[in-house]
Amino acid sequence: MRYIFLSGSWKIFVSLFICYLISGCTPTAPPDSSAQSDAEPKKITLTVWHDWAAQDSTSDIMRGLLSQFQKDNPQIELRLQSVIPDTYQSRLKTMAAADELPDVFLIGPDSMTREFVRGGLIQPIDDFLKANLTWAEGFEPRAFDSFTVEDEKYSVPMTLSPTSLVFYNQAIFDQYQVPVPQTWEELMYAINIFNKHGVIPIALGNKSTSAAPSSIFSTLADRVTGTGWFMDVMKQSGARFTDRPFIDALARMQQLAHAKAFQDNFSFIDSNQMEQMYVHKQAAMFIEGGWAVSKLIAEAPKDVLESTHITVLPAIPDGKGEPMATSGVVGKGFALNAKLKGERRAAALKLIYTMASPEAQRKMLNGHLLVTYRIDVDRTAAHPLFIELYDLMKKVKLLPAYETQLTTAAVDTLNEGIQELFKGGYPETIAQKLQDTQANVLGKLR
């Protein structure tokens, strides 16, 4: 390598000439330091996707937190994209396939997180959590497990979502002298009595094909098979979906349909219409996640709300699962695009903190949403139905939910299979399809 040494006068000339070419500076007019300090900070733009598109209290709270972040951080512009929940995941995967993922986006726990990590699409945030250790340690034990892959954490949970709760109108049960079901036999008895009196036993909105598998089947199947079997079959390690206990679980699900537990049009209405049937006293029960509580509090007539109580699916004879348990997940959390770096990454992490901070979690809890942070409900202000939910969740065990544990392809196969089951399909055939799908996808991933 050759080095060129310049004399002192030439060094000064060259330095001045370069300065002039690059920035227009002059030797007699140095930059005004006061002008620099008064300049507006550099604007940072982040594209952000979420699925809080509905007009409900949950979406209102979350959108409110986003708006507050924007007001508190004018130097950070959030370009928000709101997508309806039913299409959110498929649209996000389409963006991933086109290498056009947003900078920050909601991601589901467990299988969705694992698949995005395998694809190299998101990045860990352990450095940020360690830098804010007091906050990170304020979450419930194992709250981060569903966003952890190979000991690295990829998101922060904001809410807690039991996905299978039985909401029932005590006044309707009392009117027909039907006990609230504690066993499978009592559930079948209630279904029979309500049908005889022209009352829908269980309102169901399965238009999306995911409601029945999510809100009913995950818990029902665990009642039969036990959690250990499911964890083995999920990994295809020592268990198969064609095992007799799982086929029996499918048969129990089909038994509900054959007994006319649901109204005739359940495949053509959504969850909102399902809840309307309940609040208009057309149905004695509906089965939904914990998120339904805030909506009932906001929309149900006073007499229906006062008669509404919450329980879990009853035990099943000879089942291996725990009766005081229900399927559930930590709520979605924001993930960072793997390409995000520098000041834009720092801004995105600030957004993650804001959405899951102790103050944000308090707002959610006050808005009748269960949270993953260790704070207690204000019993002097919360609605009695939410307190009932809060206390119930202290007693029940949270089971793995099929829709967040199985591979995406297997979830689709299960959803289609439950629809087929309701139409008279054979449990053995559906079990084989699910087995083939899960095994095939895991084979590709290994």
Protein backbone atom coordinates (compact mmCIF):
# COMPACT_ATOMS: atom_id res chain seq x y z
CA MET A 1 0.00 0.00 0.00
CA ARG A 2 1.33 3.47 -0.92
CA TYR A 3 1.11 6.40 1.50
CA ILE A 4 1.21 10.03 0.30
CA PHE A 5 2.54 12.55 2.76
CA LEU A 6 1.42 16.19 2.37
CA SER A 7 3.06 19.31 3.60
CA GLY A 8 1.28 21.40 6.24
CA SER A 9 -0.08 24.05 3.80
CA TRP A 10 -1.38 21.42 1.38
CA LYS A 11 -3.09 19.59 4.25
CA ILE A 12 -5.00 22.77 5.15
CA PHE A 13 -5.99 23.40 1.54
CA VAL A 14 -7.18 19.84 0.94
CA SER A 15 -9.15 19.80 4.20
CA LEU A 16 -10.92 23.04 3.34
CA PHE A 17 -11.68 21.88 -0.20
CA ILE A 18 -13.17 18.57 0.98
CA CYS A 19 -15.24 20.38 3.59
CA TYR A 20 -16.59 22.72 0.93
CA LEU A 21 -17.52 19.89 -1.44
CA ILE A 22 -19.24 17.74 1.17
CA SER A 23 -21.18 20.12 3.34
CA GLY A 24 -20.78 23.63 2.08
CA CYS A 25 -19.01 24.67 5.29
CA THR A 26 -16.62 27.64 5.34
CA PRO A 27 -13.63 28.26 7.60
CA THR A 28 -14.99 31.60 8.78
CA ALA A 29 -18.53 30.39 9.70
CA PRO A 30 -18.49 27.37 12.07
CA PRO A 31 -21.79 25.56 12.71
CA ASP A 32 -24.12 27.23 15.21
CA SER A 33 -24.31 24.84 18.17
CA SER A 34 -27.46 26.49 19.50
CA ALA A 35 -29.24 25.96 16.16
CA GLN A 36 -28.34 22.25 16.29
CA SER A 37 -29.76 21.79 19.77
CA ASP A 38 -33.02 23.49 18.79
CA ALA A 39 -33.51 21.33 15.69
CA GLU A 40 -36.32 18.77 15.73
CA PRO A 41 -35.19 15.18 16.43
CA LYS A 42 -34.99 12.87 13.47
CA LYS A 43 -38.34 11.28 12.62
CA ILE A 44 -38.47 7.50 12.92
CA THR A 45 -41.16 5.62 11.00
CA LEU A 46 -42.37 2.15 11.95
CA THR A 47 -44.91 0.03 10.11
CA VAL A 48 -47.08 -1.77 12.68
CA TRP A 49 -49.68 -4.51 12.11
CA HIS A 50 -52.29 -5.63 14.64
CA ASP A 51 -55.69 -7.35 14.68
CA TRP A 52 -57.57 -4.99 17.00
CA ALA A 53 -60.02 -4.15 14.26
CA ALA A 54 -63.28 -4.82 16.09
CA GLN A 55 -65.48 -2.29 17.83
CA ASP A 56 -65.18 -3.86 21.27
CA SER A 57 -63.65 -2.94 24.61
CA THR A 58 -60.50 -5.03 24.07
CA SER A 59 -59.71 -3.39 20.74
CA ASP A 60 -60.58 0.03 22.16
CA ILE A 61 -58.08 -0.41 25.00
CA MET A 62 -55.31 -1.60 22.71
CA ARG A 63 -55.89 1.08 20.09
CA GLY A 64 -55.95 3.64 22.91
CA LEU A 65 -52.52 2.50 24.07
CA LEU A 66 -51.18 2.86 20.53
CA SER A 67 -52.62 6.38 20.27
CA GLN A 68 -51.10 7.35 23.61
CA PHE A 69 -47.71 6.07 22.49
CA GLN A 70 -47.95 8.23 19.38
CA LYS A 71 -48.78 11.32 21.47
CA ASP A 72 -45.97 10.66 23.94
CA ASN A 73 -43.43 9.99 21.20
CA PRO A 74 -44.04 12.49 18.36
CA GLN A 75 -40.63 11.68 16.88
CA ILE A 76 -41.85 8.11 16.18
CA GLU A 77 -44.48 7.76 13.46
CA LEU A 78 -46.52 4.56 13.60
CA ARG A 79 -47.97 3.54 10.28
CA LEU A 80 -50.69 1.28 11.61
CA GLN A 81 -52.42 -1.49 9.70
CA SER A 82 -55.49 -3.01 11.37
CA VAL A 83 -56.52 -6.44 10.08
CA ILE A 84 -59.58 -8.47 11.11
CA PRO A 85 -58.59 -11.45 13.29
CA ASP A 86 -59.96 -14.13 10.94
CA THR A 87 -57.58 -13.11 8.14
CA TYR A 88 -54.70 -11.66 10.15
CA GLN A 89 -52.44 -14.71 10.27
CA SER A 90 -52.89 -15.63 6.61
CA ARG A 91 -52.19 -12.05 5.50
CA LEU A 92 -49.10 -11.90 7.68
CA LYS A 93 -47.78 -15.11 6.13
CA THR A 94 -48.43 -13.74 2.67
CA MET A 95 -46.32 -10.71 3.57
CA ALA A 96 -43.62 -13.00 4.93
CA ALA A 97 -43.54 -15.01 1.69
CA ALA A 98 -43.10 -11.76 -0.26
CA ASP A 99 -40.37 -10.58 2.15
CA GLU A 100 -42.50 -7.55 3.03
CA LEU A 101 -43.23 -8.05 6.71
CA PRO A 102 -43.96 -4.90 8.74
CA ASP A 103 -41.38 -3.64 11.21
CA VAL A 104 -43.48 -4.61 14.24
CA PHE A 105 -46.43 -7.00 14.26
CA LEU A 106 -48.60 -9.04 16.58
CA ILE A 107 -47.59 -12.66 16.70
CA GLY A 108 -49.33 -15.62 18.27
CA PRO A 109 -47.68 -17.70 21.00
CA ASP A 110 -46.23 -21.21 20.65
CA SER A 111 -46.48 -22.66 17.12
CA MET A 112 -46.75 -19.34 15.28
CA THR A 113 -43.74 -17.97 17.12
CA ARG A 114 -41.77 -21.17 16.48
CA GLU A 115 -42.54 -21.11 12.76
CA PHE A 116 -41.53 -17.45 12.40
CA VAL A 117 -38.30 -18.14 14.27
CA ARG A 118 -37.52 -21.12 12.02
CA GLY A 119 -38.08 -18.89 9.01
CA GLY A 120 -35.61 -16.33 10.34
CA LEU A 121 -38.37 -13.70 10.26
CA ILE A 122 -38.22 -12.29 13.81
CA GLN A 123 -35.46 -11.49 16.30
CA PRO A 124 -34.97 -12.15 20.02
CA ILE A 125 -35.39 -9.37 22.57
CA ASP A 126 -33.48 -10.86 25.53
CA ASP A 127 -31.08 -7.89 25.67
CA PHE A 128 -34.03 -5.55 26.16
CA LEU A 129 -35.60 -7.73 28.87
CA LYS A 130 -32.30 -7.97 30.76
CA ALA A 131 -31.91 -4.19 30.58
CA ASN A 132 -35.38 -3.83 32.13
CA LEU A 133 -35.16 -6.71 34.58
CA THR A 134 -37.44 -5.34 37.32
CA TRP A 135 -40.27 -5.01 34.82
CA ALA A 136 -39.57 -8.38 33.16
CA GLU A 137 -39.58 -10.16 36.51
CA GLY A 138 -43.00 -8.71 37.34
CA PHE A 139 -44.77 -11.15 35.00
CA GLU A 140 -46.38 -14.38 36.15
CA PRO A 141 -44.03 -17.40 36.29
CA ARG A 142 -43.55 -18.97 32.85
CA ALA A 143 -45.42 -16.11 31.16
CA PHE A 144 -42.69 -15.90 28.52
CA ASP A 145 -42.61 -19.65 27.78
CA SER A 146 -44.92 -19.43 24.78
CA PHE A 147 -42.68 -16.83 23.15
CA THR A 148 -39.43 -18.67 23.91
CA VAL A 149 -37.58 -20.75 21.32
CA GLU A 150 -34.30 -22.44 22.22
CA ASP A 151 -33.94 -20.27 25.34
CA GLU A 152 -34.42 -16.99 23.46
CA LYS A 153 -37.47 -14.76 23.99
CA TYR A 154 -39.17 -13.12 21.03
CA SER A 155 -42.10 -11.17 22.48
CA VAL A 156 -43.80 -9.96 25.65
CA PRO A 157 -47.28 -11.26 26.51
CA MET A 158 -49.91 -8.61 27.12
CA THR A 159 -52.98 -10.58 28.15
CA LEU A 160 -54.04 -14.01 29.37
CA SER A 161 -56.70 -15.86 27.39
CA PRO A 162 -58.51 -18.94 28.65
CA THR A 163 -60.09 -20.16 25.42
CA SER A 164 -62.80 -22.53 26.67
CA LEU A 165 -65.27 -21.24 29.25
CA VAL A 166 -68.94 -22.09 29.60
CA PHE A 167 -71.13 -19.00 30.02
CA TYR A 168 -74.61 -19.86 31.26
CA ASN A 169 -77.82 -18.06 32.19
CA GLN A 170 -78.76 -19.25 35.68
CA ALA A 171 -82.32 -17.93 35.28
CA ILE A 172 -82.95 -20.23 32.31
CA PHE A 173 -81.53 -23.21 34.19
CA ASP A 174 -83.75 -22.38 37.15
CA GLN A 175 -86.82 -21.91 34.95
CA TYR A 176 -86.58 -25.48 33.68
CA GLN A 177 -85.13 -26.92 36.90
CA VAL A 178 -81.94 -28.05 35.20
CA PRO A 179 -78.75 -28.35 37.28
CA VAL A 180 -75.61 -26.67 35.94
CA PRO A 181 -73.72 -29.64 34.41
CA GLN A 182 -70.87 -31.04 36.48
CA THR A 183 -70.63 -34.31 34.51
CA TRP A 184 -71.00 -35.33 30.88
CA GLU A 185 -74.27 -37.08 31.68
CA GLU A 186 -75.68 -33.91 33.25
CA LEU A 187 -74.65 -31.94 30.17
CA MET A 188 -76.48 -34.36 27.88
CA TYR A 189 -79.52 -34.18 30.19
CA ALA A 190 -79.52 -30.37 30.03
CA ILE A 191 -79.26 -30.44 26.23
CA ASN A 192 -82.25 -32.77 26.05
CA ILE A 193 -84.44 -30.69 28.40
CA PHE A 194 -83.65 -27.37 26.71
CA ASN A 195 -84.41 -28.81 23.29
CA LYS A 196 -87.79 -30.06 24.51
CA HIS A 197 -88.68 -26.51 25.59
CA GLY A 198 -87.46 -24.80 22.42
CA VAL A 199 -84.34 -23.30 24.03
CA ILE A 200 -81.00 -23.58 22.26
CA PRO A 201 -78.74 -25.45 24.68
CA ILE A 202 -75.42 -24.01 23.47
CA ALA A 203 -75.20 -21.14 20.98
CA LEU A 204 -72.35 -21.67 18.53
CA GLY A 205 -70.89 -19.42 15.84
CA ASN A 206 -68.54 -21.56 13.74
CA LYS A 207 -68.56 -19.63 10.47
CA SER A 208 -64.78 -19.29 10.57
CA THR A 209 -64.47 -23.07 11.30
CA SER A 210 -62.04 -22.27 14.13
CA ALA A 211 -64.46 -21.47 16.96
CA ALA A 212 -65.60 -25.02 17.77
CA PRO A 213 -62.08 -26.53 17.70
CA SER A 214 -60.67 -23.66 19.76
CA SER A 215 -63.40 -23.01 22.30
CA ILE A 216 -64.73 -26.53 22.74
CA PHE A 217 -62.55 -29.29 21.35
CA SER A 218 -59.16 -28.43 22.91
CA THR A 219 -60.59 -28.79 26.40
CA LEU A 220 -62.94 -31.66 25.56
CA ALA A 221 -60.09 -33.65 24.00
CA ASP A 222 -57.86 -33.08 27.02
CA ARG A 223 -60.64 -34.36 29.28
CA VAL A 224 -60.39 -37.67 27.39
CA THR A 225 -56.71 -38.02 26.47
CA GLY A 226 -54.91 -36.12 29.22
CA THR A 227 -52.29 -33.43 28.64
CA GLY A 228 -49.30 -35.78 28.54
CA TRP A 229 -50.68 -37.62 25.52
CA PHE A 230 -51.22 -34.36 23.66
CA MET A 231 -47.69 -33.11 24.32
CA ASP A 232 -46.36 -36.41 22.95
CA VAL A 233 -48.55 -36.41 19.84
CA MET A 234 -47.73 -32.79 19.13
CA LYS A 235 -44.07 -33.80 18.82
CA GLN A 236 -45.02 -37.15 17.24
CA SER A 237 -43.12 -38.85 20.04
CA GLY A 238 -44.74 -42.05 21.24
CA ALA A 239 -48.31 -41.05 20.36
CA ARG A 240 -50.44 -40.74 17.22
CA PHE A 241 -53.74 -39.03 16.48
CA THR A 242 -55.07 -42.42 15.45
CA ASP A 243 -54.80 -43.63 19.07
CA ARG A 244 -58.11 -44.72 20.55
CA PRO A 245 -58.40 -41.92 23.17
CA PHE A 246 -58.27 -39.21 20.49
CA ILE A 247 -60.83 -41.00 18.33
CA ASP A 248 -63.05 -41.20 21.43
CA ALA A 249 -62.63 -37.43 21.91
CA LEU A 250 -63.76 -36.81 18.34
CA ALA A 251 -66.75 -39.09 18.96
CA ARG A 252 -67.70 -37.02 22.03
CA MET A 253 -67.57 -33.86 19.92
CA GLN A 254 -69.81 -35.50 17.33
CA GLN A 255 -72.17 -36.61 20.08
CA LEU A 256 -72.82 -32.96 20.92
CA ALA A 257 -73.84 -32.23 17.34
CA HIS A 258 -76.04 -35.34 17.09
CA ALA A 259 -77.77 -34.41 20.36
CA LYS A 260 -78.54 -30.97 18.88
CA ALA A 261 -76.49 -29.13 21.45
CA PHE A 262 -76.11 -26.30 18.91
CA GLN A 263 -78.61 -24.39 16.78
CA ASP A 264 -79.05 -25.50 13.15
CA ASN A 265 -77.24 -22.56 11.52
CA PHE A 266 -74.05 -22.71 13.60
CA SER A 267 -71.85 -23.04 10.48
CA PHE A 268 -73.24 -19.79 9.04
CA ILE A 269 -72.95 -17.34 11.93
CA ASP A 270 -69.93 -15.80 13.67
CA SER A 271 -69.11 -15.32 17.34
CA ASN A 272 -70.82 -11.92 17.50
CA GLN A 273 -74.09 -13.40 16.27
CA MET A 274 -73.62 -16.32 18.65
CA GLU A 275 -73.36 -13.96 21.62
CA GLN A 276 -76.42 -12.05 20.44
CA MET A 277 -78.44 -15.26 20.58
CA TYR A 278 -77.35 -15.67 24.17
CA VAL A 279 -78.04 -12.09 25.30
CA HIS A 280 -81.50 -12.29 23.71
CA LYS A 281 -82.23 -15.37 25.88
CA GLN A 282 -82.52 -17.70 22.92
CA ALA A 283 -79.74 -19.91 24.30
CA ALA A 284 -78.99 -21.18 27.79
CA MET A 285 -75.21 -21.31 27.23
CA PHE A 286 -72.37 -20.42 24.91
CA ILE A 287 -68.75 -21.51 25.04
CA GLU A 288 -66.09 -18.88 24.39
CA GLY A 289 -62.79 -17.50 25.65
CA GLY A 290 -62.31 -15.16 28.58
CA TRP A 291 -62.38 -12.18 26.22
CA ALA A 292 -66.18 -12.54 26.02
CA VAL A 293 -66.56 -11.16 29.54
CA SER A 294 -65.70 -7.56 28.68
CA LYS A 295 -68.11 -7.65 25.75
CA LEU A 296 -70.94 -9.04 27.87
CA ILE A 297 -70.36 -6.35 30.49
CA ALA A 298 -70.52 -3.68 27.82
CA GLU A 299 -73.47 -4.99 25.79
CA ALA A 300 -75.65 -7.50 27.63
CA PRO A 301 -79.00 -6.38 29.13
CA LYS A 302 -78.93 -5.93 32.90
CA ASP A 303 -81.08 -8.96 33.68
CA VAL A 304 -79.03 -11.28 31.45
CA LEU A 305 -75.76 -9.96 32.86
CA GLU A 306 -76.90 -10.49 36.44
CA SER A 307 -77.95 -14.08 35.64
CA THR A 308 -74.75 -14.97 33.76
CA HIS A 309 -72.11 -17.13 35.43
CA ILE A 310 -69.00 -18.95 34.25
CA THR A 311 -67.79 -22.53 34.58
CA VAL A 312 -65.72 -25.05 32.63
CA LEU A 313 -66.65 -28.07 30.54
CA PRO A 314 -67.69 -31.02 32.71
CA ALA A 315 -65.64 -34.12 33.39
CA ILE A 316 -65.88 -37.10 31.04
CA PRO A 317 -66.24 -40.67 32.37
CA ASP A 318 -62.93 -42.55 32.48
CA GLY A 319 -61.15 -39.53 31.01
CA LYS A 320 -57.47 -39.01 31.78
CA GLY A 321 -57.61 -35.23 31.90
CA GLU A 322 -58.10 -32.95 34.90
CA PRO A 323 -61.69 -31.70 35.33
CA MET A 324 -60.73 -28.33 36.84
CA ALA A 325 -58.78 -27.19 33.81
CA THR A 326 -59.38 -25.30 30.59
CA SER A 327 -57.41 -24.64 27.43
CA GLY A 328 -55.77 -21.25 27.21
CA VAL A 329 -52.85 -19.19 26.02
CA VAL A 330 -51.02 -16.02 26.83
CA GLY A 331 -52.27 -13.35 24.48
CA LYS A 332 -50.47 -12.21 21.37
CA GLY A 333 -47.43 -10.00 21.66
CA PHE A 334 -45.51 -7.68 19.37
CA ALA A 335 -42.53 -9.16 17.53
CA LEU A 336 -39.70 -7.38 15.73
CA ASN A 337 -38.90 -7.92 12.08
CA ALA A 338 -35.52 -9.68 11.91
CA LYS A 339 -34.17 -6.85 9.73
CA LEU A 340 -34.90 -4.07 12.22
CA LYS A 341 -31.74 -2.42 13.58
CA GLY A 342 -30.35 0.62 15.32
CA GLU A 343 -32.57 3.51 16.34
CA ARG A 344 -35.59 1.97 14.62
CA ARG A 345 -35.16 -1.21 16.68
CA ALA A 346 -34.86 0.92 19.83
CA ALA A 347 -38.10 2.71 18.92
CA ALA A 348 -39.85 -0.63 18.34
CA LEU A 349 -38.69 -1.93 21.73
CA LYS A 350 -40.05 1.22 23.32
CA LEU A 351 -43.41 0.41 21.74
CA ILE A 352 -43.29 -3.14 23.11
CA TYR A 353 -42.64 -1.80 26.60
CA THR A 354 -45.45 0.74 26.37
CA MET A 355 -47.97 -1.91 25.30
CA ALA A 356 -47.01 -4.30 28.13
CA SER A 357 -45.86 -1.92 30.86
CA PRO A 358 -47.32 -2.15 34.39
CA GLU A 359 -49.45 0.90 33.60
CA ALA A 360 -50.77 -0.68 30.41
CA GLN A 361 -51.48 -3.95 32.19
CA ARG A 362 -53.43 -2.05 34.84
CA LYS A 363 -55.53 -0.40 32.12
CA MET A 364 -56.26 -3.80 30.62
CA LEU A 365 -57.20 -5.31 33.98
CA ASN A 366 -59.44 -2.32 34.74
CA GLY A 367 -61.00 -2.90 31.31
CA HIS A 368 -61.96 -6.45 32.34
CA LEU A 369 -59.11 -8.21 30.53
CA LEU A 370 -57.00 -10.88 32.23
CA VAL A 371 -53.30 -10.05 32.18
CA THR A 372 -50.00 -11.87 32.63
CA TYR A 373 -48.53 -9.26 34.99
CA ARG A 374 -48.66 -9.77 38.76
CA ILE A 375 -51.26 -7.19 39.75
CA ASP A 376 -54.53 -7.72 41.61
CA VAL A 377 -57.98 -6.79 40.39
CA ASP A 378 -59.64 -3.80 42.04
CA ARG A 379 -62.66 -5.51 43.61
CA THR A 380 -64.28 -2.19 44.48
CA ALA A 381 -64.42 -1.13 40.83
CA ALA A 382 -64.47 -4.31 38.70
CA HIS A 383 -67.74 -5.84 37.53
CA PRO A 384 -68.87 -8.93 39.50
CA LEU A 385 -68.75 -11.11 36.37
CA PHE A 386 -65.11 -10.21 35.79
CA ILE A 387 -64.29 -10.89 39.43
CA GLU A 388 -65.95 -14.30 38.99
CA LEU A 389 -63.71 -14.96 35.98
CA TYR A 390 -60.63 -13.69 37.82
CA ASP A 391 -61.32 -15.95 40.83
CA LEU A 392 -62.10 -18.95 38.60
CA MET A 393 -58.75 -18.61 36.85
CA LYS A 394 -57.02 -18.83 40.24
CA LYS A 395 -58.57 -22.29 40.70
CA VAL A 396 -58.23 -23.91 37.27
CA LYS A 397 -55.20 -25.21 35.46
CA LEU A 398 -54.42 -23.80 32.01
CA LEU A 399 -54.17 -26.51 29.35
CA PRO A 400 -52.28 -26.28 26.04
CA ALA A 401 -54.56 -25.08 23.24
CA TYR A 402 -54.55 -27.12 20.04
CA GLU A 403 -54.64 -24.01 17.83
CA THR A 404 -51.40 -22.62 19.24
CA GLN A 405 -49.48 -25.86 19.74
CA LEU A 406 -50.04 -27.79 16.51
CA THR A 407 -48.41 -26.81 13.26
CA THR A 408 -50.41 -24.36 11.17
CA ALA A 409 -51.22 -27.04 8.60
CA ALA A 410 -52.45 -29.39 11.33
CA VAL A 411 -54.67 -26.65 12.79
CA ASP A 412 -56.27 -26.15 9.37
CA THR A 413 -56.78 -29.90 9.05
CA LEU A 414 -58.36 -30.07 12.51
CA ASN A 415 -60.71 -27.16 11.78
CA GLU A 416 -61.84 -28.78 8.54
CA GLY A 417 -62.11 -32.13 10.32
CA ILE A 418 -64.43 -30.81 13.02
CA GLN A 419 -66.69 -29.35 10.32
CA GLU A 420 -66.68 -32.72 8.58
CA LEU A 421 -67.40 -34.41 11.90
CA PHE A 422 -70.48 -32.24 12.45
CA LYS A 423 -71.74 -33.30 9.03
CA GLY A 424 -71.44 -37.00 9.85
CA GLY A 425 -67.80 -37.71 9.03
CA TYR A 426 -66.04 -40.66 10.62
CA PRO A 427 -63.77 -39.90 13.61
CA GLU A 428 -61.23 -42.49 12.41
CA THR A 429 -60.91 -40.81 8.99
CA ILE A 430 -60.47 -37.36 10.51
CA ALA A 431 -57.91 -38.67 12.99
CA GLN A 432 -55.88 -40.21 10.16
CA LYS A 433 -55.88 -36.95 8.18
CA LEU A 434 -54.66 -35.04 11.21
CA GLN A 435 -51.98 -37.61 11.92
CA ASP A 436 -50.70 -37.48 8.34
CA THR A 437 -50.58 -33.68 8.35
CA GLN A 438 -48.74 -33.26 11.64
CA ALA A 439 -46.22 -36.01 10.85
CA ASN A 440 -45.61 -34.69 7.35
CA VAL A 441 -44.96 -31.11 8.45
CA LEU A 442 -42.70 -32.11 11.32
CA GLY A 443 -40.78 -34.33 8.92
CA LYS A 444 -40.12 -31.33 6.71
CA LEU A 445 -39.04 -29.20 9.63
CA ARG A 446 -36.55 -31.65 11.04
